[in-house]
Amino acid sequence: MVRLAAAAAHFTRDVGFDLDRVKMIVSHARDAGVALLALPDGALGGYLTDLRHPDEECLPPLLEPNGDEVRSVIDIAGEMVVCLGYSERGAGGRRYDAAVCLSGDGILGRHRKVHIPAGVAPLFHPGDGFAAFDTPLGRMGLLIDHDKTFPEAARTLAVDGAEVIACLSAWPTSLTNRAPRMAQDRQARLFDLYDQARAAENQVVWLSSNQSGRHGALHFLGRAKIVGPGGEILARTWSKGGLAVAEVDLPGIVGAARSVLHHLSERRPSTYGN
């Protein structure tokens, strides 16, 4: 059995503050016996303040993929596997919305967000693919918020052997049709729907982390969760910060889900077209 956790938490432009918050959340997770922790997108440096008219003078800081900030999280992680997101400086100064999976032994896997929403497309360069990687807990993959809207993204990771997928988000409430209560919000419904659908259709364990609180014009949902391979929510938070923690037998729960209906082996790729 292994304990998994997904965090809902608020992060800022102050990377020093963010590192202190990462250290605190990792400490709480360690006390809970967690072996794999998913932190939100923008856990180092925060996210944007507006998705329709982003302020280019107030963007998250660009961090180096192997810079001091990431190395600090490696030191904090110790024996735990930790996933988190940040804005990455690429070749030629390109800005990527990036995620990294690491432990005290170093970097285990990386991902650059492929699907960039139209309003922020001029700010971020898209990543160029999806690849699973090996960890002490098994093979897993990373996605970043809008990536989960596209079934092909999670499916590519599952076909590449991922049995655990961590989707790190900075997912806000609806920008166009604000609901009086978060439970009625369209984006809250879609956030949960995508989490459960992607887990069930690929028969994987799904960790969904998210930012919480307000930043500029954005009100982030929180609603972190662990979803089982049948689409069942095993643990969750609500709108405020917190940890969703679930204890699972990873090979057992995935194997049981695939014992009768094995979605990956039953695919008919030659019939799907583009």
C-alpha atoms as a PDB file:
ATOM      1  CA  MET A   1       0.000   0.000   0.000  1.00  0.00           C
ATOM      2  CA  VAL A   2       1.158   3.535  -0.740  1.00  0.00           C
ATOM      3  CA  ARG A   3      -0.222   6.926   0.229  1.00  0.00           C
ATOM      4  CA  LEU A   4      -0.796   9.508  -2.475  1.00  0.00           C
ATOM      5  CA  ALA A   5      -1.671  13.176  -2.015  1.00  0.00           C
ATOM      6  CA  ALA A   6      -2.830  16.073  -4.190  1.00  0.00           C
ATOM      7  CA  ALA A   7      -2.668  19.614  -2.828  1.00  0.00           C
ATOM      8  CA  ALA A   8      -4.916  22.619  -3.165  1.00  0.00           C
ATOM      9  CA  ALA A   9      -2.871  25.680  -2.199  1.00  0.00           C
ATOM     10  CA  HIS A  10      -2.209  29.321  -3.017  1.00  0.00           C
ATOM     11  CA  PHE A  11       1.150  30.421  -4.446  1.00  0.00           C
ATOM     12  CA  THR A  12       2.502  33.867  -5.281  1.00  0.00           C
ATOM     13  CA  ARG A  13       5.128  35.780  -7.251  1.00  0.00           C
ATOM     14  CA  ASP A  14       7.395  35.583  -4.180  1.00  0.00           C
ATOM     15  CA  VAL A  15       9.393  32.411  -4.863  1.00  0.00           C
ATOM     16  CA  GLY A  16      10.926  32.490  -1.386  1.00  0.00           C
ATOM     17  CA  PHE A  17       7.440  32.468   0.136  1.00  0.00           C
ATOM     18  CA  ASP A  18       6.434  29.672  -2.253  1.00  0.00           C
ATOM     19  CA  LEU A  19       9.418  27.540  -1.262  1.00  0.00           C
ATOM     20  CA  ASP A  20       8.457  27.956   2.388  1.00  0.00           C
ATOM     21  CA  ARG A  21       4.915  26.871   1.539  1.00  0.00           C
ATOM     22  CA  VAL A  22       6.201  23.874  -0.433  1.00  0.00           C
ATOM     23  CA  LYS A  23       8.325  22.918   2.565  1.00  0.00           C
ATOM     24  CA  MET A  24       5.294  23.189   4.869  1.00  0.00           C
ATOM     25  CA  ILE A  25       3.043  21.114   2.599  1.00  0.00           C
ATOM     26  CA  VAL A  26       5.717  18.454   2.125  1.00  0.00           C
ATOM     27  CA  SER A  27       6.146  18.329   5.908  1.00  0.00           C
ATOM     28  CA  HIS A  28       2.398  17.807   6.417  1.00  0.00           C
ATOM     29  CA  ALA A  29       2.372  15.150   3.698  1.00  0.00           C
ATOM     30  CA  ARG A  30       5.372  13.398   5.255  1.00  0.00           C
ATOM     31  CA  ASP A  31       3.598  13.355   8.624  1.00  0.00           C
ATOM     32  CA  ALA A  32       0.654  11.687   6.858  1.00  0.00           C
ATOM     33  CA  GLY A  33       2.922   9.004   5.399  1.00  0.00           C
ATOM     34  CA  VAL A  34       2.618  10.250   1.816  1.00  0.00           C
ATOM     35  CA  ALA A  35       5.009   8.799  -0.780  1.00  0.00           C
ATOM     36  CA  LEU A  36       3.807  10.768  -3.844  1.00  0.00           C
ATOM     37  CA  LEU A  37       2.641  14.388  -3.681  1.00  0.00           C
ATOM     38  CA  ALA A  38       1.235  16.523  -6.498  1.00  0.00           C
ATOM     39  CA  LEU A  39       1.487  20.299  -5.993  1.00  0.00           C
ATOM     40  CA  PRO A  40      -0.280  22.770  -8.303  1.00  0.00           C
ATOM     41  CA  ASP A  41       0.838  24.437 -11.498  1.00  0.00           C
ATOM     42  CA  GLY A  42       2.666  27.638 -10.623  1.00  0.00           C
ATOM     43  CA  ALA A  43       3.818  26.311  -7.242  1.00  0.00           C
ATOM     44  CA  LEU A  44       6.997  28.324  -7.784  1.00  0.00           C
ATOM     45  CA  GLY A  45       6.112  31.853  -8.856  1.00  0.00           C
ATOM     46  CA  GLY A  46       2.337  31.612  -9.095  1.00  0.00           C
ATOM     47  CA  TYR A  47       0.234  31.802 -12.246  1.00  0.00           C
ATOM     48  CA  LEU A  48      -1.341  34.567 -14.329  1.00  0.00           C
ATOM     49  CA  THR A  49      -3.717  37.226 -13.006  1.00  0.00           C
ATOM     50  CA  ASP A  50      -6.078  37.176 -16.014  1.00  0.00           C
ATOM     51  CA  LEU A  51      -6.661  34.690 -18.843  1.00  0.00           C
ATOM     52  CA  ARG A  52      -8.357  37.074 -21.278  1.00  0.00           C
ATOM     53  CA  HIS A  53      -6.182  40.169 -20.911  1.00  0.00           C
ATOM     54  CA  PRO A  54      -3.048  39.034 -19.043  1.00  0.00           C
ATOM     55  CA  ASP A  55      -0.748  41.734 -17.745  1.00  0.00           C
ATOM     56  CA  GLU A  56       2.576  41.131 -19.471  1.00  0.00           C
ATOM     57  CA  GLU A  57       4.262  43.282 -16.824  1.00  0.00           C
ATOM     58  CA  CYS A  58       3.154  40.920 -14.060  1.00  0.00           C
ATOM     59  CA  LEU A  59       4.024  37.441 -15.329  1.00  0.00           C
ATOM     60  CA  PRO A  60       5.427  34.632 -13.187  1.00  0.00           C
ATOM     61  CA  PRO A  61       9.229  34.680 -12.935  1.00  0.00           C
ATOM     62  CA  LEU A  62      11.058  32.528 -15.459  1.00  0.00           C
ATOM     63  CA  LEU A  63      13.003  29.786 -13.700  1.00  0.00           C
ATOM     64  CA  GLU A  64      15.771  27.606 -15.031  1.00  0.00           C
ATOM     65  CA  PRO A  65      14.870  23.898 -15.381  1.00  0.00           C
ATOM     66  CA  ASN A  66      17.819  22.958 -13.158  1.00  0.00           C
ATOM     67  CA  GLY A  67      18.039  26.216 -11.253  1.00  0.00           C
ATOM     68  CA  ASP A  68      18.410  26.885  -7.560  1.00  0.00           C
ATOM     69  CA  GLU A  69      14.648  26.883  -6.984  1.00  0.00           C
ATOM     70  CA  VAL A  70      14.139  23.391  -8.398  1.00  0.00           C
ATOM     71  CA  ARG A  71      17.257  22.168  -6.570  1.00  0.00           C
ATOM     72  CA  SER A  72      15.775  23.512  -3.340  1.00  0.00           C
ATOM     73  CA  VAL A  73      12.667  21.383  -3.835  1.00  0.00           C
ATOM     74  CA  ILE A  74      14.876  18.330  -4.442  1.00  0.00           C
ATOM     75  CA  ASP A  75      16.414  18.978  -1.023  1.00  0.00           C
ATOM     76  CA  ILE A  76      12.977  19.435   0.546  1.00  0.00           C
ATOM     77  CA  ALA A  77      11.511  16.279  -1.051  1.00  0.00           C
ATOM     78  CA  GLY A  78      13.923  13.769   0.469  1.00  0.00           C
ATOM     79  CA  GLU A  79      12.462  10.287   0.041  1.00  0.00           C
ATOM     80  CA  MET A  80       9.106  11.621  -1.222  1.00  0.00           C
ATOM     81  CA  VAL A  81       8.243  11.904  -4.921  1.00  0.00           C
ATOM     82  CA  VAL A  82       6.989  15.459  -5.522  1.00  0.00           C
ATOM     83  CA  CYS A  83       5.444  16.979  -8.662  1.00  0.00           C
ATOM     84  CA  LEU A  84       5.079  20.738  -9.113  1.00  0.00           C
ATOM     85  CA  GLY A  85       4.720  23.402 -11.791  1.00  0.00           C
ATOM     86  CA  TYR A  86       6.480  26.662 -12.661  1.00  0.00           C
ATOM     87  CA  SER A  87       7.239  28.963 -15.598  1.00  0.00           C
ATOM     88  CA  GLU A  88      10.353  27.667 -17.324  1.00  0.00           C
ATOM     89  CA  ARG A  89      12.934  29.577 -19.317  1.00  0.00           C
ATOM     90  CA  GLY A  90      13.586  27.726 -22.570  1.00  0.00           C
ATOM     91  CA  ALA A  91      15.976  28.270 -25.442  1.00  0.00           C
ATOM     92  CA  GLY A  92      15.920  31.825 -26.759  1.00  0.00           C
ATOM     93  CA  GLY A  93      14.092  33.022 -23.657  1.00  0.00           C
ATOM     94  CA  ARG A  94      10.905  31.179 -24.574  1.00  0.00           C
ATOM     95  CA  ARG A  95       8.385  30.864 -21.743  1.00  0.00           C
ATOM     96  CA  TYR A  96       6.967  27.397 -21.037  1.00  0.00           C
ATOM     97  CA  ASP A  97       4.316  26.356 -18.545  1.00  0.00           C
ATOM     98  CA  ALA A  98       6.311  23.450 -17.117  1.00  0.00           C
ATOM     99  CA  ALA A  99       6.050  20.653 -14.585  1.00  0.00           C
ATOM    100  CA  VAL A 100       8.717  18.549 -12.952  1.00  0.00           C
ATOM    101  CA  CYS A 101       8.625  15.322 -10.934  1.00  0.00           C
ATOM    102  CA  LEU A 102      11.494  14.872  -8.510  1.00  0.00           C
ATOM    103  CA  SER A 103      12.723  13.304  -5.315  1.00  0.00           C
ATOM    104  CA  GLY A 104      15.803  13.710  -3.167  1.00  0.00           C
ATOM    105  CA  ASP A 105      17.633  11.616  -5.766  1.00  0.00           C
ATOM    106  CA  GLY A 106      17.010  14.220  -8.496  1.00  0.00           C
ATOM    107  CA  ILE A 107      14.740  14.788 -11.491  1.00  0.00           C
ATOM    108  CA  LEU A 108      12.506  11.856 -12.445  1.00  0.00           C
ATOM    109  CA  GLY A 109      10.437  13.393 -15.238  1.00  0.00           C
ATOM    110  CA  ARG A 110       9.387  16.638 -16.916  1.00  0.00           C
ATOM    111  CA  HIS A 111       6.530  18.019 -18.996  1.00  0.00           C
ATOM    112  CA  ARG A 112       5.833  21.248 -20.852  1.00  0.00           C
ATOM    113  CA  LYS A 113       2.175  22.152 -21.301  1.00  0.00           C
ATOM    114  CA  VAL A 114       1.095  21.358 -24.847  1.00  0.00           C
ATOM    115  CA  HIS A 115      -2.418  22.849 -25.003  1.00  0.00           C
ATOM    116  CA  ILE A 116      -2.326  26.616 -24.397  1.00  0.00           C
ATOM    117  CA  PRO A 117      -5.696  28.448 -24.072  1.00  0.00           C
ATOM    118  CA  ALA A 118      -6.218  31.084 -26.750  1.00  0.00           C
ATOM    119  CA  GLY A 119      -6.059  34.108 -24.446  1.00  0.00           C
ATOM    120  CA  VAL A 120      -2.576  33.280 -23.170  1.00  0.00           C
ATOM    121  CA  ALA A 121      -1.163  31.600 -26.289  1.00  0.00           C
ATOM    122  CA  PRO A 122       1.035  34.634 -27.117  1.00  0.00           C
ATOM    123  CA  LEU A 123       2.763  34.295 -23.729  1.00  0.00           C
ATOM    124  CA  PHE A 124       3.659  30.612 -23.620  1.00  0.00           C
ATOM    125  CA  HIS A 125       5.406  28.385 -26.106  1.00  0.00           C
ATOM    126  CA  PRO A 126       3.701  24.964 -26.311  1.00  0.00           C
ATOM    127  CA  GLY A 127       5.455  21.754 -25.402  1.00  0.00           C
ATOM    128  CA  ASP A 128       5.893  19.136 -28.085  1.00  0.00           C
ATOM    129  CA  GLY A 129       4.703  15.847 -26.606  1.00  0.00           C
ATOM    130  CA  PHE A 130       3.806  13.506 -23.769  1.00  0.00           C
ATOM    131  CA  ALA A 131       6.052  10.831 -22.279  1.00  0.00           C
ATOM    132  CA  ALA A 132       5.767   8.595 -19.221  1.00  0.00           C
ATOM    133  CA  PHE A 133       8.731   8.016 -16.929  1.00  0.00           C
ATOM    134  CA  ASP A 134       9.783   5.632 -14.189  1.00  0.00           C
ATOM    135  CA  THR A 135       9.656   6.474 -10.478  1.00  0.00           C
ATOM    136  CA  PRO A 136      10.244   4.439  -7.305  1.00  0.00           C
ATOM    137  CA  LEU A 137       6.447   3.994  -7.169  1.00  0.00           C
ATOM    138  CA  GLY A 138       6.016   2.845 -10.756  1.00  0.00           C
ATOM    139  CA  ARG A 139       5.584   4.418 -14.157  1.00  0.00           C
ATOM    140  CA  MET A 140       3.739   7.734 -14.289  1.00  0.00           C
ATOM    141  CA  GLY A 141       3.136  10.819 -16.386  1.00  0.00           C
ATOM    142  CA  LEU A 142       2.498  14.546 -15.992  1.00  0.00           C
ATOM    143  CA  LEU A 143      -0.084  16.894 -17.500  1.00  0.00           C
ATOM    144  CA  ILE A 144      -0.768  20.597 -16.897  1.00  0.00           C
ATOM    145  CA  ASP A 145      -4.343  21.866 -16.469  1.00  0.00           C
ATOM    146  CA  HIS A 146      -5.745  22.504 -20.009  1.00  0.00           C
ATOM    147  CA  ASP A 147      -3.973  19.368 -21.256  1.00  0.00           C
ATOM    148  CA  LYS A 148      -6.588  17.240 -19.502  1.00  0.00           C
ATOM    149  CA  THR A 149      -9.325  18.710 -21.685  1.00  0.00           C
ATOM    150  CA  PHE A 150      -7.916  16.622 -24.546  1.00  0.00           C
ATOM    151  CA  PRO A 151      -8.380  12.827 -24.180  1.00  0.00           C
ATOM    152  CA  GLU A 152      -5.391  12.143 -26.429  1.00  0.00           C
ATOM    153  CA  ALA A 153      -2.988  13.620 -23.868  1.00  0.00           C
ATOM    154  CA  ALA A 154      -3.776  11.228 -21.016  1.00  0.00           C
ATOM    155  CA  ARG A 155      -4.218   8.334 -23.450  1.00  0.00           C
ATOM    156  CA  THR A 156      -0.717   8.877 -24.847  1.00  0.00           C
ATOM    157  CA  LEU A 157       0.727   8.624 -21.333  1.00  0.00           C
ATOM    158  CA  ALA A 158      -1.289   5.496 -20.549  1.00  0.00           C
ATOM    159  CA  VAL A 159      -0.196   3.807 -23.785  1.00  0.00           C
ATOM    160  CA  ASP A 160       3.376   4.689 -22.784  1.00  0.00           C
ATOM    161  CA  GLY A 161       2.886   2.661 -19.614  1.00  0.00           C
ATOM    162  CA  ALA A 162       1.789   5.272 -17.062  1.00  0.00           C
ATOM    163  CA  GLU A 163      -0.411   3.783 -14.347  1.00  0.00           C
ATOM    164  CA  VAL A 164      -0.426   7.058 -12.388  1.00  0.00           C
ATOM    165  CA  ILE A 165      -1.013  10.471 -13.970  1.00  0.00           C
ATOM    166  CA  ALA A 166      -0.583  13.718 -12.050  1.00  0.00           C
ATOM    167  CA  CYS A 167      -2.362  16.717 -13.572  1.00  0.00           C
ATOM    168  CA  LEU A 168      -1.149  19.988 -12.045  1.00  0.00           C
ATOM    169  CA  SER A 169      -3.531  22.907 -12.456  1.00  0.00           C
ATOM    170  CA  ALA A 170      -4.113  26.601 -11.961  1.00  0.00           C
ATOM    171  CA  TRP A 171      -7.796  26.248 -12.889  1.00  0.00           C
ATOM    172  CA  PRO A 172     -10.138  29.139 -12.077  1.00  0.00           C
ATOM    173  CA  THR A 173     -13.887  29.525 -11.839  1.00  0.00           C
ATOM    174  CA  SER A 174     -15.755  30.470 -15.013  1.00  0.00           C
ATOM    175  CA  LEU A 175     -14.716  33.795 -16.516  1.00  0.00           C
ATOM    176  CA  THR A 176     -17.888  34.276 -18.535  1.00  0.00           C
ATOM    177  CA  ASN A 177     -20.699  32.880 -16.370  1.00  0.00           C
ATOM    178  CA  ARG A 178     -19.851  33.251 -12.689  1.00  0.00           C
ATOM    179  CA  ALA A 179     -22.116  31.149 -10.500  1.00  0.00           C
ATOM    180  CA  PRO A 180     -23.290  32.366  -7.063  1.00  0.00           C
ATOM    181  CA  ARG A 181     -21.832  29.213  -5.484  1.00  0.00           C
ATOM    182  CA  MET A 182     -18.691  27.350  -6.533  1.00  0.00           C
ATOM    183  CA  ALA A 183     -20.538  24.020  -6.530  1.00  0.00           C
ATOM    184  CA  GLN A 184     -22.690  25.416  -9.363  1.00  0.00           C
ATOM    185  CA  ASP A 185     -19.788  26.817 -11.383  1.00  0.00           C
ATOM    186  CA  ARG A 186     -19.365  25.495 -14.912  1.00  0.00           C
ATOM    187  CA  GLN A 187     -15.612  25.246 -14.649  1.00  0.00           C
ATOM    188  CA  ALA A 188     -15.860  23.412 -11.314  1.00  0.00           C
ATOM    189  CA  ARG A 189     -18.113  20.852 -12.991  1.00  0.00           C
ATOM    190  CA  LEU A 190     -15.755  20.452 -15.943  1.00  0.00           C
ATOM    191  CA  PHE A 191     -12.700  20.242 -13.700  1.00  0.00           C
ATOM    192  CA  ASP A 192     -14.196  17.276 -11.834  1.00  0.00           C
ATOM    193  CA  LEU A 193     -15.648  15.713 -14.985  1.00  0.00           C
ATOM    194  CA  TYR A 194     -12.312  15.682 -16.810  1.00  0.00           C
ATOM    195  CA  ASP A 195     -10.510  14.264 -13.768  1.00  0.00           C
ATOM    196  CA  GLN A 196     -12.933  11.369 -13.451  1.00  0.00           C
ATOM    197  CA  ALA A 197     -13.288  10.691 -17.167  1.00  0.00           C
ATOM    198  CA  ARG A 198      -9.541  10.659 -17.871  1.00  0.00           C
ATOM    199  CA  ALA A 199      -8.946   8.266 -14.968  1.00  0.00           C
ATOM    200  CA  ALA A 200     -11.767   5.905 -15.974  1.00  0.00           C
ATOM    201  CA  GLU A 201     -11.140   5.782 -19.709  1.00  0.00           C
ATOM    202  CA  ASN A 202      -7.452   4.998 -19.185  1.00  0.00           C
ATOM    203  CA  GLN A 203      -7.923   2.920 -16.008  1.00  0.00           C
ATOM    204  CA  VAL A 204      -5.207   4.823 -14.152  1.00  0.00           C
ATOM    205  CA  VAL A 205      -4.857   6.461 -10.761  1.00  0.00           C
ATOM    206  CA  TRP A 206      -5.227  10.213 -11.241  1.00  0.00           C
ATOM    207  CA  LEU A 207      -3.827  12.943  -8.989  1.00  0.00           C
ATOM    208  CA  SER A 208      -5.384  16.367  -9.568  1.00  0.00           C
ATOM    209  CA  SER A 209      -3.791  19.324  -7.769  1.00  0.00           C
ATOM    210  CA  ASN A 210      -4.893  22.934  -8.142  1.00  0.00           C
ATOM    211  CA  GLN A 211      -4.285  26.471  -7.012  1.00  0.00           C
ATOM    212  CA  SER A 212      -6.737  27.941  -4.494  1.00  0.00           C
ATOM    213  CA  GLY A 213      -7.636  31.480  -3.508  1.00  0.00           C
ATOM    214  CA  ARG A 214      -7.654  34.632  -5.639  1.00  0.00           C
ATOM    215  CA  HIS A 215      -4.982  36.163  -7.829  1.00  0.00           C
ATOM    216  CA  GLY A 216      -5.901  39.250  -9.817  1.00  0.00           C
ATOM    217  CA  ALA A 217      -9.073  38.562 -11.797  1.00  0.00           C
ATOM    218  CA  LEU A 218      -8.854  34.817 -11.206  1.00  0.00           C
ATOM    219  CA  HIS A 219     -10.556  32.837  -8.449  1.00  0.00           C
ATOM    220  CA  PHE A 220      -8.991  29.387  -8.375  1.00  0.00           C
ATOM    221  CA  LEU A 221     -11.152  26.374  -7.645  1.00  0.00           C
ATOM    222  CA  GLY A 222      -9.035  24.299  -5.286  1.00  0.00           C
ATOM    223  CA  ARG A 223     -10.887  20.934  -5.438  1.00  0.00           C
ATOM    224  CA  ALA A 224      -7.761  18.766  -5.412  1.00  0.00           C
ATOM    225  CA  LYS A 225      -8.488  15.052  -5.591  1.00  0.00           C
ATOM    226  CA  ILE A 226      -7.307  11.478  -6.036  1.00  0.00           C
ATOM    227  CA  VAL A 227      -9.348   9.476  -8.543  1.00  0.00           C
ATOM    228  CA  GLY A 228      -9.283   5.703  -8.885  1.00  0.00           C
ATOM    229  CA  PRO A 229      -9.124   3.813 -12.202  1.00  0.00           C
ATOM    230  CA  GLY A 230     -12.888   3.358 -12.230  1.00  0.00           C
ATOM    231  CA  GLY A 231     -13.452   7.109 -12.038  1.00  0.00           C
ATOM    232  CA  GLU A 232     -14.287   7.019  -8.325  1.00  0.00           C
ATOM    233  CA  ILE A 233     -13.085   9.900  -6.155  1.00  0.00           C
ATOM    234  CA  LEU A 234     -10.957   8.376  -3.399  1.00  0.00           C
ATOM    235  CA  ALA A 235     -10.151  11.625  -1.597  1.00  0.00           C
ATOM    236  CA  ARG A 236     -10.703  15.319  -2.211  1.00  0.00           C
ATOM    237  CA  THR A 237     -10.485  18.832  -0.863  1.00  0.00           C
ATOM    238  CA  TRP A 238     -13.000  21.579  -1.560  1.00  0.00           C
ATOM    239  CA  SER A 239     -12.321  25.222  -2.399  1.00  0.00           C
ATOM    240  CA  LYS A 240      -9.917  26.007   0.423  1.00  0.00           C
ATOM    241  CA  GLY A 241      -6.354  24.789   0.681  1.00  0.00           C
ATOM    242  CA  GLY A 242      -5.646  21.288   1.895  1.00  0.00           C
ATOM    243  CA  LEU A 243      -4.407  17.817   1.046  1.00  0.00           C
ATOM    244  CA  ALA A 244      -6.431  15.024  -0.526  1.00  0.00           C
ATOM    245  CA  VAL A 245      -4.796  11.817   0.743  1.00  0.00           C
ATOM    246  CA  ALA A 246      -5.617   8.263  -0.310  1.00  0.00           C
ATOM    247  CA  GLU A 247      -3.938   4.947   0.486  1.00  0.00           C
ATOM    248  CA  VAL A 248      -3.947   2.516  -2.426  1.00  0.00           C
ATOM    249  CA  ASP A 249      -2.349  -0.680  -3.651  1.00  0.00           C
ATOM    250  CA  LEU A 250      -1.213   0.742  -6.988  1.00  0.00           C
ATOM    251  CA  PRO A 251      -0.602  -2.509  -8.910  1.00  0.00           C
ATOM    252  CA  GLY A 252      -3.655  -4.058  -7.285  1.00  0.00           C
ATOM    253  CA  ILE A 253      -6.143  -1.276  -7.976  1.00  0.00           C
ATOM    254  CA  VAL A 254      -5.036  -0.805 -11.586  1.00  0.00           C
ATOM    255  CA  GLY A 255      -4.861  -4.556 -12.196  1.00  0.00           C
ATOM    256  CA  ALA A 256      -8.355  -5.060 -10.787  1.00  0.00           C
ATOM    257  CA  ALA A 257      -9.770  -2.302 -13.013  1.00  0.00           C
ATOM    258  CA  ARG A 258      -8.210  -3.918 -16.093  1.00  0.00           C
ATOM    259  CA  SER A 259      -8.964  -7.539 -15.206  1.00  0.00           C
ATOM    260  CA  VAL A 260     -12.183  -7.828 -17.222  1.00  0.00           C
ATOM    261  CA  LEU A 261     -12.321  -4.768 -19.464  1.00  0.00           C
ATOM    262  CA  HIS A 262      -8.834  -3.659 -20.503  1.00  0.00           C
ATOM    263  CA  HIS A 263      -9.383  -0.416 -22.392  1.00  0.00           C
ATOM    264  CA  LEU A 264      -5.837  -0.034 -23.680  1.00  0.00           C
ATOM    265  CA  SER A 265      -5.646  -3.528 -25.168  1.00  0.00           C
ATOM    266  CA  GLU A 266      -9.154  -3.264 -26.648  1.00  0.00           C
ATOM    267  CA  ARG A 267      -8.388  -0.143 -28.669  1.00  0.00           C
ATOM    268  CA  ARG A 268      -8.760  -0.192 -32.484  1.00  0.00           C
ATOM    269  CA  PRO A 269      -6.357   2.610 -33.527  1.00  0.00           C
ATOM    270  CA  SER A 270      -6.620   1.773 -37.232  1.00  0.00           C
ATOM    271  CA  THR A 271     -10.306   2.715 -37.200  1.00  0.00           C
ATOM    272  CA  TYR A 272     -10.032   6.103 -35.485  1.00  0.00           C
ATOM    273  CA  GLY A 273      -8.488   8.304 -38.168  1.00  0.00           C
ATOM    274  CA  ASN A 274      -7.397  11.771 -37.094  1.00  0.00           C
END
